C-alpha atoms as a PDB file:
ATOM      1  CA  UNK A   1       2.355  -4.778 -24.448  1.00  0.00           C
ATOM      2  CA  UNK A   2       5.086  -5.384 -21.846  1.00  0.00           C
ATOM      3  CA  UNK A   3       7.752  -2.796 -21.126  1.00  0.00           C
ATOM      4  CA  UNK A   4      10.511  -4.614 -23.039  1.00  0.00           C
ATOM      5  CA  UNK A   5       8.359  -5.005 -26.160  1.00  0.00           C
ATOM      6  CA  UNK A   6       7.211  -1.418 -25.883  1.00  0.00           C
ATOM      7  CA  UNK A   7      10.773  -0.110 -25.783  1.00  0.00           C
ATOM      8  CA  UNK A   8      11.975  -2.354 -28.616  1.00  0.00           C
ATOM      9  CA  UNK A   9       9.046  -1.286 -30.794  1.00  0.00           C
ATOM     10  CA  UNK A  10       9.853   2.385 -30.198  1.00  0.00           C
ATOM     11  CA  UNK A  11      13.583   1.926 -30.888  1.00  0.00           C
ATOM     12  CA  UNK A  12      12.958  -0.022 -34.076  1.00  0.00           C
ATOM     13  CA  UNK A  13      10.443   2.536 -35.338  1.00  0.00           C
ATOM     14  CA  UNK A  14      12.953   5.349 -34.807  1.00  0.00           C
ATOM     15  CA  UNK A  15      15.711   3.350 -36.489  1.00  0.00           C
ATOM     16  CA  UNK A  16      13.506   2.621 -39.485  1.00  0.00           C
ATOM     17  CA  UNK A  17      13.057   6.352 -40.054  1.00  0.00           C
ATOM     18  CA  UNK A  18      16.819   6.894 -39.856  1.00  0.00           C
ATOM     19  CA  UNK A  19      17.696   4.022 -42.167  1.00  0.00           C
ATOM     20  CA  UNK A  20      15.260   4.982 -44.889  1.00  0.00           C
ATOM     21  CA  UNK A  21      12.832   2.684 -46.676  1.00  0.00           C
ATOM     22  CA  UNK A  22      13.304   0.512 -49.753  1.00  0.00           C
ATOM     23  CA  UNK A  23      12.483   3.468 -52.000  1.00  0.00           C
ATOM     24  CA  UNK A  24      14.990   5.772 -50.282  1.00  0.00           C
ATOM     25  CA  UNK A  25      18.395   6.392 -51.832  1.00  0.00           C
ATOM     26  CA  UNK A  26      20.540   6.018 -48.704  1.00  0.00           C
ATOM     27  CA  UNK A  27      24.074   4.656 -48.193  1.00  0.00           C
ATOM     28  CA  UNK A  28      23.622   0.947 -47.518  1.00  0.00           C
ATOM     29  CA  UNK A  29      26.616   0.451 -45.214  1.00  0.00           C
ATOM     30  CA  UNK A  30      25.693   3.317 -42.918  1.00  0.00           C
ATOM     31  CA  UNK A  31      22.062   2.252 -42.897  1.00  0.00           C
ATOM     32  CA  UNK A  32      23.082  -1.250 -41.872  1.00  0.00           C
ATOM     33  CA  UNK A  33      25.486   0.060 -39.239  1.00  0.00           C
ATOM     34  CA  UNK A  34      22.715   2.021 -37.514  1.00  0.00           C
ATOM     35  CA  UNK A  35      20.824  -1.198 -36.915  1.00  0.00           C
ATOM     36  CA  UNK A  36      23.998  -3.079 -36.030  1.00  0.00           C
ATOM     37  CA  UNK A  37      24.844  -0.536 -33.317  1.00  0.00           C
ATOM     38  CA  UNK A  38      21.429  -0.802 -31.679  1.00  0.00           C
ATOM     39  CA  UNK A  39      20.149  -4.318 -32.355  1.00  0.00           C
ATOM     40  CA  UNK A  40      19.993  -6.613 -30.595  1.00  0.00           C
ATOM     41  CA  UNK A  41      20.086  -4.315 -27.618  1.00  0.00           C
ATOM     42  CA  UNK A  42      21.604  -4.804 -24.219  1.00  0.00           C
ATOM     43  CA  UNK A  43      19.495  -4.583 -21.086  1.00  0.00           C
ATOM     44  CA  UNK A  44      18.003  -1.241 -22.216  1.00  0.00           C
ATOM     45  CA  UNK A  45      18.448  -0.100 -18.615  1.00  0.00           C
ATOM     46  CA  UNK A  46      18.092   3.630 -19.306  1.00  0.00           C
ATOM     47  CA  UNK A  47      14.841   3.480 -21.318  1.00  0.00           C
ATOM     48  CA  UNK A  48      13.449   0.979 -18.798  1.00  0.00           C
ATOM     49  CA  UNK A  49      14.089   3.436 -15.967  1.00  0.00           C
ATOM     50  CA  UNK A  50      12.578   6.258 -18.017  1.00  0.00           C
ATOM     51  CA  UNK A  51       9.453   4.257 -18.805  1.00  0.00           C
ATOM     52  CA  UNK A  52       9.118   3.055 -15.211  1.00  0.00           C
ATOM     53  CA  UNK A  53       9.287   6.633 -13.890  1.00  0.00           C
ATOM     54  CA  UNK A  54       6.725   7.806 -16.458  1.00  0.00           C
ATOM     55  CA  UNK A  55       4.440   4.929 -15.468  1.00  0.00           C
ATOM     56  CA  UNK A  56       4.867   5.749 -11.781  1.00  0.00           C
ATOM     57  CA  UNK A  57       3.817   9.328 -12.586  1.00  0.00           C
ATOM     58  CA  UNK A  58       0.707   8.243 -14.521  1.00  0.00           C
ATOM     59  CA  UNK A  59       2.104   8.013 -18.104  1.00  0.00           C
ATOM     60  CA  UNK A  60      -0.611  10.342 -19.385  1.00  0.00           C
ATOM     61  CA  UNK A  61       0.848  10.492 -22.919  1.00  0.00           C
ATOM     62  CA  UNK A  62       2.405   7.097 -23.782  1.00  0.00           C
ATOM     63  CA  UNK A  63       3.477   8.224 -27.261  1.00  0.00           C
ATOM     64  CA  UNK A  64       5.671  10.918 -25.700  1.00  0.00           C
ATOM     65  CA  UNK A  65       7.141   8.387 -23.262  1.00  0.00           C
ATOM     66  CA  UNK A  66       7.914   5.981 -26.106  1.00  0.00           C
ATOM     67  CA  UNK A  67       9.668   8.710 -28.093  1.00  0.00           C
ATOM     68  CA  UNK A  68      11.691   9.704 -25.038  1.00  0.00           C
ATOM     69  CA  UNK A  69      12.705   6.102 -24.331  1.00  0.00           C
ATOM     70  CA  UNK A  70      13.781   5.522 -27.939  1.00  0.00           C
ATOM     71  CA  UNK A  71      15.716   8.795 -28.087  1.00  0.00           C
ATOM     72  CA  UNK A  72      17.591   8.038 -24.878  1.00  0.00           C
ATOM     73  CA  UNK A  73      18.585   4.570 -26.067  1.00  0.00           C
ATOM     74  CA  UNK A  74      19.719   5.895 -29.458  1.00  0.00           C
ATOM     75  CA  UNK A  75      21.936   8.419 -27.669  1.00  0.00           C
ATOM     76  CA  UNK A  76      23.398   5.677 -25.488  1.00  0.00           C
ATOM     77  CA  UNK A  77      24.117   3.475 -28.528  1.00  0.00           C
ATOM     78  CA  UNK A  78      25.747   6.442 -30.275  1.00  0.00           C
ATOM     79  CA  UNK A  79      28.050   6.919 -27.300  1.00  0.00           C
ATOM     80  CA  UNK A  80      29.061   3.245 -27.406  1.00  0.00           C
ATOM     81  CA  UNK A  81      29.917   3.414 -31.111  1.00  0.00           C
ATOM     82  CA  UNK A  82      32.141   6.425 -30.431  1.00  0.00           C
ATOM     83  CA  UNK A  83      33.640   5.088 -27.165  1.00  0.00           C
ATOM     84  CA  UNK A  84      34.820   1.920 -28.920  1.00  0.00           C
ATOM     85  CA  UNK A  85      36.799   3.803 -31.588  1.00  0.00           C
ATOM     86  CA  UNK A  86      40.594   3.392 -31.694  1.00  0.00           C
ATOM     87  CA  UNK A  87      41.068   7.029 -30.649  1.00  0.00           C
ATOM     88  CA  UNK A  88      39.237   6.266 -27.381  1.00  0.00           C
ATOM     89  CA  UNK A  89      38.903   2.731 -25.968  1.00  0.00           C
ATOM     90  CA  UNK A  90      39.883   0.821 -29.137  1.00  0.00           C
ATOM     91  CA  UNK A  91      37.451  -1.940 -28.113  1.00  0.00           C
ATOM     92  CA  UNK A  92      37.109  -4.910 -30.442  1.00  0.00           C
ATOM     93  CA  UNK A  93      33.934  -6.282 -28.858  1.00  0.00           C
ATOM     94  CA  UNK A  94      30.659  -4.770 -27.703  1.00  0.00           C
ATOM     95  CA  UNK A  95      27.614  -6.709 -26.455  1.00  0.00           C
ATOM     96  CA  UNK A  96      29.316  -9.951 -27.376  1.00  0.00           C
ATOM     97  CA  UNK A  97      29.942  -9.104 -31.041  1.00  0.00           C
ATOM     98  CA  UNK A  98      32.515  -7.045 -32.980  1.00  0.00           C
ATOM     99  CA  UNK A  99      32.259  -3.331 -32.258  1.00  0.00           C
ATOM    100  CA  UNK A 100      30.957  -1.101 -35.054  1.00  0.00           C
ATOM    101  CA  UNK A 101      34.388  -0.012 -36.288  1.00  0.00           C
ATOM    102  CA  UNK A 102      35.507  -3.678 -36.437  1.00  0.00           C
ATOM    103  CA  UNK A 103      32.360  -4.893 -38.199  1.00  0.00           C
ATOM    104  CA  UNK A 104      32.482  -1.975 -40.680  1.00  0.00           C
ATOM    105  CA  UNK A 105      35.326   0.556 -40.469  1.00  0.00           C
ATOM    106  CA  UNK A 106      36.282   3.689 -38.565  1.00  0.00           C
ATOM    107  CA  UNK A 107      34.581   6.249 -40.849  1.00  0.00           C
ATOM    108  CA  UNK A 108      31.318   4.295 -40.747  1.00  0.00           C
ATOM    109  CA  UNK A 109      31.554   3.995 -36.938  1.00  0.00           C
ATOM    110  CA  UNK A 110      32.031   7.764 -36.572  1.00  0.00           C
ATOM    111  CA  UNK A 111      29.113   8.445 -38.897  1.00  0.00           C
ATOM    112  CA  UNK A 112      26.988   5.847 -37.105  1.00  0.00           C
ATOM    113  CA  UNK A 113      27.431   7.634 -33.784  1.00  0.00           C
ATOM    114  CA  UNK A 114      26.786  11.009 -35.408  1.00  0.00           C
ATOM    115  CA  UNK A 115      23.657   9.803 -37.210  1.00  0.00           C
ATOM    116  CA  UNK A 116      22.237   8.189 -34.058  1.00  0.00           C
ATOM    117  CA  UNK A 117      22.722  11.428 -32.094  1.00  0.00           C
ATOM    118  CA  UNK A 118      20.840  13.380 -34.751  1.00  0.00           C
ATOM    119  CA  UNK A 119      18.144  10.684 -34.970  1.00  0.00           C
ATOM    120  CA  UNK A 120      17.747  10.855 -31.194  1.00  0.00           C
ATOM    121  CA  UNK A 121      16.821  14.535 -31.325  1.00  0.00           C
ATOM    122  CA  UNK A 122      14.664  14.054 -34.413  1.00  0.00           C
ATOM    123  CA  UNK A 123      12.708  11.440 -32.448  1.00  0.00           C
ATOM    124  CA  UNK A 124      12.072  13.934 -29.653  1.00  0.00           C
ATOM    125  CA  UNK A 125      11.137  16.665 -32.140  1.00  0.00           C
ATOM    126  CA  UNK A 126       8.483  14.347 -33.588  1.00  0.00           C
ATOM    127  CA  UNK A 127       7.017  13.952 -30.097  1.00  0.00           C
ATOM    128  CA  UNK A 128       5.959  17.608 -30.333  1.00  0.00           C
ATOM    129  CA  UNK A 129       2.991  16.427 -32.394  1.00  0.00           C
ATOM    130  CA  UNK A 130       1.640  14.904 -29.173  1.00  0.00           C
ATOM    131  CA  UNK A 131       2.718  17.612 -26.701  1.00  0.00           C
ATOM    132  CA  UNK A 132       4.991  20.496 -27.758  1.00  0.00           C
ATOM    133  CA  UNK A 133       5.909  21.625 -24.244  1.00  0.00           C
ATOM    134  CA  UNK A 134       6.866  18.160 -23.057  1.00  0.00           C
ATOM    135  CA  UNK A 135       8.902  17.614 -26.225  1.00  0.00           C
ATOM    136  CA  UNK A 136      10.844  20.841 -25.661  1.00  0.00           C
ATOM    137  CA  UNK A 137      11.528  19.806 -22.067  1.00  0.00           C
ATOM    138  CA  UNK A 138      12.780  16.408 -23.194  1.00  0.00           C
ATOM    139  CA  UNK A 139      15.093  17.956 -25.792  1.00  0.00           C
ATOM    140  CA  UNK A 140      16.563  20.298 -23.179  1.00  0.00           C
ATOM    141  CA  UNK A 141      17.237  17.455 -20.729  1.00  0.00           C
ATOM    142  CA  UNK A 142      18.856  15.186 -23.303  1.00  0.00           C
ATOM    143  CA  UNK A 143      20.945  18.044 -24.675  1.00  0.00           C
ATOM    144  CA  UNK A 144      22.274  18.798 -21.195  1.00  0.00           C
ATOM    145  CA  UNK A 145      23.024  15.124 -20.568  1.00  0.00           C
ATOM    146  CA  UNK A 146      24.855  14.683 -23.881  1.00  0.00           C
ATOM    147  CA  UNK A 147      27.188  17.632 -24.268  1.00  0.00           C
ATOM    148  CA  UNK A 148      29.267  20.050 -22.213  1.00  0.00           C
ATOM    149  CA  UNK A 149      29.944  20.843 -19.442  1.00  0.00           C
ATOM    150  CA  UNK A 150      28.223  18.002 -17.581  1.00  0.00           C
ATOM    151  CA  UNK A 151      27.124  15.494 -20.231  1.00  0.00           C
ATOM    152  CA  UNK A 152      28.661  12.385 -21.745  1.00  0.00           C
ATOM    153  CA  UNK A 153      30.933  14.439 -24.034  1.00  0.00           C
ATOM    154  CA  UNK A 154      32.404  16.027 -20.914  1.00  0.00           C
ATOM    155  CA  UNK A 155      32.813  12.553 -19.427  1.00  0.00           C
ATOM    156  CA  UNK A 156      34.893  11.468 -22.384  1.00  0.00           C
ATOM    157  CA  UNK A 157      36.791  14.756 -22.268  1.00  0.00           C
ATOM    158  CA  UNK A 158      37.891  14.175 -18.674  1.00  0.00           C
ATOM    159  CA  UNK A 159      39.983  11.232 -19.899  1.00  0.00           C
ATOM    160  CA  UNK A 160      42.261  13.656 -21.744  1.00  0.00           C
ATOM    161  CA  UNK A 161      43.001  15.722 -18.619  1.00  0.00           C
ATOM    162  CA  UNK A 162      46.179  15.275 -16.580  1.00  0.00           C
ATOM    163  CA  UNK A 163      44.231  15.747 -13.335  1.00  0.00           C
ATOM    164  CA  UNK A 164      40.794  14.159 -13.091  1.00  0.00           C
ATOM    165  CA  UNK A 165      37.982  14.947 -10.696  1.00  0.00           C
ATOM    166  CA  UNK A 166      36.676  11.391 -10.197  1.00  0.00           C
ATOM    167  CA  UNK A 167      33.271  12.488  -8.984  1.00  0.00           C
ATOM    168  CA  UNK A 168      32.740  14.900 -11.880  1.00  0.00           C
ATOM    169  CA  UNK A 169      34.092  12.299 -14.314  1.00  0.00           C
ATOM    170  CA  UNK A 170      31.626   9.637 -13.140  1.00  0.00           C
ATOM    171  CA  UNK A 171      28.688  12.068 -13.058  1.00  0.00           C
ATOM    172  CA  UNK A 172      29.333  13.025 -16.676  1.00  0.00           C
ATOM    173  CA  UNK A 173      30.587   9.766 -18.162  1.00  0.00           C
ATOM    174  CA  UNK A 174      27.902   7.490 -16.717  1.00  0.00           C
ATOM    175  CA  UNK A 175      25.578   9.408 -14.443  1.00  0.00           C
ATOM    176  CA  UNK A 176      24.356  11.984 -16.969  1.00  0.00           C
ATOM    177  CA  UNK A 177      22.196   9.590 -19.003  1.00  0.00           C
ATOM    178  CA  UNK A 178      20.766   8.005 -15.846  1.00  0.00           C
ATOM    179  CA  UNK A 179      19.756  11.416 -14.535  1.00  0.00           C
ATOM    180  CA  UNK A 180      18.286  12.063 -17.971  1.00  0.00           C
ATOM    181  CA  UNK A 181      16.342   8.802 -17.699  1.00  0.00           C
ATOM    182  CA  UNK A 182      14.558   9.749 -14.484  1.00  0.00           C
ATOM    183  CA  UNK A 183      14.076  13.397 -15.469  1.00  0.00           C
ATOM    184  CA  UNK A 184      12.800  12.509 -18.946  1.00  0.00           C
ATOM    185  CA  UNK A 185      10.410   9.938 -17.500  1.00  0.00           C
ATOM    186  CA  UNK A 186       8.859  12.567 -15.245  1.00  0.00           C
ATOM    187  CA  UNK A 187       8.773  15.149 -18.050  1.00  0.00           C
ATOM    188  CA  UNK A 188       7.143  12.717 -20.470  1.00  0.00           C
ATOM    189  CA  UNK A 189       4.364  12.246 -17.908  1.00  0.00           C
ATOM    190  CA  UNK A 190       3.943  15.990 -17.413  1.00  0.00           C
ATOM    191  CA  UNK A 191       5.653  16.173 -14.003  1.00  0.00           C
ATOM    192  CA  UNK A 192       8.459  18.368 -12.667  1.00  0.00           C
ATOM    193  CA  UNK A 193      11.760  16.603 -13.501  1.00  0.00           C
ATOM    194  CA  UNK A 194      13.855  18.179 -10.738  1.00  0.00           C
ATOM    195  CA  UNK A 195      12.694  15.973  -7.802  1.00  0.00           C
ATOM    196  CA  UNK A 196      13.805  12.954  -9.839  1.00  0.00           C
ATOM    197  CA  UNK A 197      17.417  14.091 -10.204  1.00  0.00           C
ATOM    198  CA  UNK A 198      18.740  12.362  -7.086  1.00  0.00           C
ATOM    199  CA  UNK A 199      17.309   8.968  -8.037  1.00  0.00           C
ATOM    200  CA  UNK A 200      18.959   9.126 -11.462  1.00  0.00           C
ATOM    201  CA  UNK A 201      22.251  10.291  -9.985  1.00  0.00           C
ATOM    202  CA  UNK A 202      22.297   7.451  -7.462  1.00  0.00           C
ATOM    203  CA  UNK A 203      21.464   4.801 -10.049  1.00  0.00           C
ATOM    204  CA  UNK A 204      24.135   6.218 -12.337  1.00  0.00           C
ATOM    205  CA  UNK A 205      26.772   6.182  -9.617  1.00  0.00           C
ATOM    206  CA  UNK A 206      25.828   2.617  -8.677  1.00  0.00           C
ATOM    207  CA  UNK A 207      26.107   1.559 -12.313  1.00  0.00           C
ATOM    208  CA  UNK A 208      29.582   3.113 -12.577  1.00  0.00           C
ATOM    209  CA  UNK A 209      30.883   1.477  -9.390  1.00  0.00           C
ATOM    210  CA  UNK A 210      29.470  -1.881 -10.479  1.00  0.00           C
ATOM    211  CA  UNK A 211      31.053  -1.412 -13.917  1.00  0.00           C
ATOM    212  CA  UNK A 212      34.406  -0.599 -12.292  1.00  0.00           C
ATOM    213  CA  UNK A 213      34.202  -3.791 -10.229  1.00  0.00           C
ATOM    214  CA  UNK A 214      33.318  -5.912 -13.252  1.00  0.00           C
ATOM    215  CA  UNK A 215      36.050  -4.336 -15.371  1.00  0.00           C
ATOM    216  CA  UNK A 216      38.620  -5.139 -12.698  1.00  0.00           C
ATOM    217  CA  UNK A 217      37.533  -8.655 -11.733  1.00  0.00           C
ATOM    218  CA  UNK A 218      35.315 -10.191 -14.462  1.00  0.00           C
ATOM    219  CA  UNK A 219      36.288 -11.732 -17.804  1.00  0.00           C
ATOM    220  CA  UNK A 220      35.628 -10.552 -21.357  1.00  0.00           C
ATOM    221  CA  UNK A 221      33.367 -13.579 -21.870  1.00  0.00           C
ATOM    222  CA  UNK A 222      31.084 -12.603 -18.995  1.00  0.00           C
ATOM    223  CA  UNK A 223      31.136  -8.883 -19.825  1.00  0.00           C
ATOM    224  CA  UNK A 224      30.586  -9.119 -23.591  1.00  0.00           C
ATOM    225  CA  UNK A 225      33.305  -6.471 -23.978  1.00  0.00           C
ATOM    226  CA  UNK A 226      37.037  -6.210 -23.136  1.00  0.00           C
ATOM    227  CA  UNK A 227      37.912  -6.458 -19.435  1.00  0.00           C
ATOM    228  CA  UNK A 228      40.645  -4.586 -17.565  1.00  0.00           C
ATOM    229  CA  UNK A 229      40.231  -1.444 -19.672  1.00  0.00           C
ATOM    230  CA  UNK A 230      40.521   0.993 -16.775  1.00  0.00           C
ATOM    231  CA  UNK A 231      44.008  -0.309 -16.044  1.00  0.00           C
ATOM    232  CA  UNK A 232      45.002  -0.409 -19.710  1.00  0.00           C
ATOM    233  CA  UNK A 233      43.946   3.199 -20.293  1.00  0.00           C
ATOM    234  CA  UNK A 234      44.935   4.453 -16.807  1.00  0.00           C
ATOM    235  CA  UNK A 235      41.386   5.632 -16.156  1.00  0.00           C
ATOM    236  CA  UNK A 236      40.220   6.650 -12.675  1.00  0.00           C
ATOM    237  CA  UNK A 237      37.870   4.142 -11.096  1.00  0.00           C
ATOM    238  CA  UNK A 238      36.245   3.181  -7.807  1.00  0.00           C
ATOM    239  CA  UNK A 239      38.363   0.062  -7.312  1.00  0.00           C
ATOM    240  CA  UNK A 240      41.576   2.060  -7.639  1.00  0.00           C
ATOM    241  CA  UNK A 241      40.294   4.702  -5.217  1.00  0.00           C
ATOM    242  CA  UNK A 242      38.496   2.526  -2.633  1.00  0.00           C
ATOM    243  CA  UNK A 243      39.854  -0.997  -3.103  1.00  0.00           C
ATOM    244  CA  UNK A 244      37.697  -4.034  -3.837  1.00  0.00           C
ATOM    245  CA  UNK A 245      35.992  -4.181  -0.424  1.00  0.00           C
ATOM    246  CA  UNK A 246      35.496  -0.436  -0.259  1.00  0.00           C
ATOM    247  CA  UNK A 247      33.947  -0.352  -3.741  1.00  0.00           C
ATOM    248  CA  UNK A 248      31.522  -3.144  -2.828  1.00  0.00           C
ATOM    249  CA  UNK A 249      30.496  -1.302   0.338  1.00  0.00           C
ATOM    250  CA  UNK A 250      30.062   1.919  -1.633  1.00  0.00           C
ATOM    251  CA  UNK A 251      27.809   0.128  -4.122  1.00  0.00           C
ATOM    252  CA  UNK A 252      25.580  -1.154  -1.309  1.00  0.00           C
ATOM    253  CA  UNK A 253      25.298   2.318   0.233  1.00  0.00           C
ATOM    254  CA  UNK A 254      24.390   3.950  -3.085  1.00  0.00           C
ATOM    255  CA  UNK A 255      21.685   1.393  -3.871  1.00  0.00           C
ATOM    256  CA  UNK A 256      20.124   1.729  -0.413  1.00  0.00           C
ATOM    257  CA  UNK A 257      19.993   5.496  -0.891  1.00  0.00           C
ATOM    258  CA  UNK A 258      18.416   5.130  -4.331  1.00  0.00           C
ATOM    259  CA  UNK A 259      15.309   3.472  -2.898  1.00  0.00           C
ATOM    260  CA  UNK A 260      14.979   6.176  -0.252  1.00  0.00           C
ATOM    261  CA  UNK A 261      15.279   8.966  -2.849  1.00  0.00           C
ATOM    262  CA  UNK A 262      12.200   7.995  -4.886  1.00  0.00           C
ATOM    263  CA  UNK A 263       9.784  10.968  -4.836  1.00  0.00           C
ATOM    264  CA  UNK A 264       6.204  10.456  -3.721  1.00  0.00           C
ATOM    265  CA  UNK A 265       4.107   9.409  -6.715  1.00  0.00           C
ATOM    266  CA  UNK A 266       1.131   7.158  -7.524  1.00  0.00           C
ATOM    267  CA  UNK A 267       3.374   4.275  -8.617  1.00  0.00           C
ATOM    268  CA  UNK A 268       6.009   4.661  -5.890  1.00  0.00           C
ATOM    269  CA  UNK A 269       5.801   1.039  -4.655  1.00  0.00           C
ATOM    270  CA  UNK A 270       6.097  -0.458  -8.138  1.00  0.00           C
ATOM    271  CA  UNK A 271       8.991   1.839  -8.969  1.00  0.00           C
ATOM    272  CA  UNK A 272      10.808   0.874  -5.776  1.00  0.00           C
ATOM    273  CA  UNK A 273      10.432  -2.769  -6.783  1.00  0.00           C
ATOM    274  CA  UNK A 274      11.921  -2.004 -10.194  1.00  0.00           C
ATOM    275  CA  UNK A 275      14.885  -0.202  -8.611  1.00  0.00           C
ATOM    276  CA  UNK A 276      15.487  -3.202  -6.323  1.00  0.00           C
ATOM    277  CA  UNK A 277      15.414  -5.482  -9.369  1.00  0.00           C
ATOM    278  CA  UNK A 278      17.901  -3.248 -11.169  1.00  0.00           C
ATOM    279  CA  UNK A 279      20.104  -3.274  -8.068  1.00  0.00           C
ATOM    280  CA  UNK A 280      20.191  -7.065  -8.117  1.00  0.00           C
ATOM    281  CA  UNK A 281      21.103  -7.030 -11.802  1.00  0.00           C
ATOM    282  CA  UNK A 282      23.814  -4.427 -11.272  1.00  0.00           C
ATOM    283  CA  UNK A 283      25.565  -6.170  -8.422  1.00  0.00           C
ATOM    284  CA  UNK A 284      27.946  -8.961  -9.500  1.00  0.00           C
ATOM    285  CA  UNK A 285      27.037 -12.214  -7.732  1.00  0.00           C
ATOM    286  CA  UNK A 286      30.511 -12.482  -6.207  1.00  0.00           C
ATOM    287  CA  UNK A 287      30.271  -8.896  -4.949  1.00  0.00           C
ATOM    288  CA  UNK A 288      26.903  -9.559  -3.338  1.00  0.00           C
ATOM    289  CA  UNK A 289      28.344 -12.623  -1.593  1.00  0.00           C
ATOM    290  CA  UNK A 290      31.402 -10.702  -0.455  1.00  0.00           C
ATOM    291  CA  UNK A 291      29.236  -7.906   0.901  1.00  0.00           C
ATOM    292  CA  UNK A 292      27.287 -10.304   3.091  1.00  0.00           C
ATOM    293  CA  UNK A 293      30.399 -11.798   4.724  1.00  0.00           C
END
């Protein structure tokens, strides 16, 4: 089974448990919204990185890796459902279709995010059947990446401050789940997660800078979500701080450093190739052209 199929299978299996079967008395709208928020998925970048790191480290317990990948993606989808709410970004579109609160309503969107967060941790708890210690490590990493003071909740919280630390904001808002991806991949394979922190941080920073560039200069049609949101919501961003050329140069520097930060491991060469592929996907074509001039 290829990586994409492997991840989709794991995500769908976790969702099926959360939605309940045909003989389960569960609220139909919320059940449907869970699937709507996660399927079809985007690029599944975070679980792909997690699985690639686990594979590079030997992937000694694939069932644990699959649970970790599914849990991380469920957490990401939960954050999108919440981010799109009127009290935050008020986004009408996500992944090229109406956001959860537009397709259903606000209460269902709030509950969808909440239920996916809980399902994420349930998925990791179930991994304890395969390896209790690895499961506990995975839960700790995802907890740290999701809450306060450095997780995605903190990232959202920075937007309510009058003075914003841009670096801390980006590390929490976007970087936290990328660091979780590399650390969880190592943990799922039974390796020390700490040496993998820098790689996740660099990929996360690159993703944020690339997202800032796309938000400023791409269209809603190409993004699959509203464009120009940083300006609308007066959010700090790399383009505002560095300018277009400076942000492009920063993106190139981060991606070069990401390759160099990969720890020594059996699958180091294959992982480096995957990071290069992700770098090509991250970089807008016009930004890559501009950077070469």
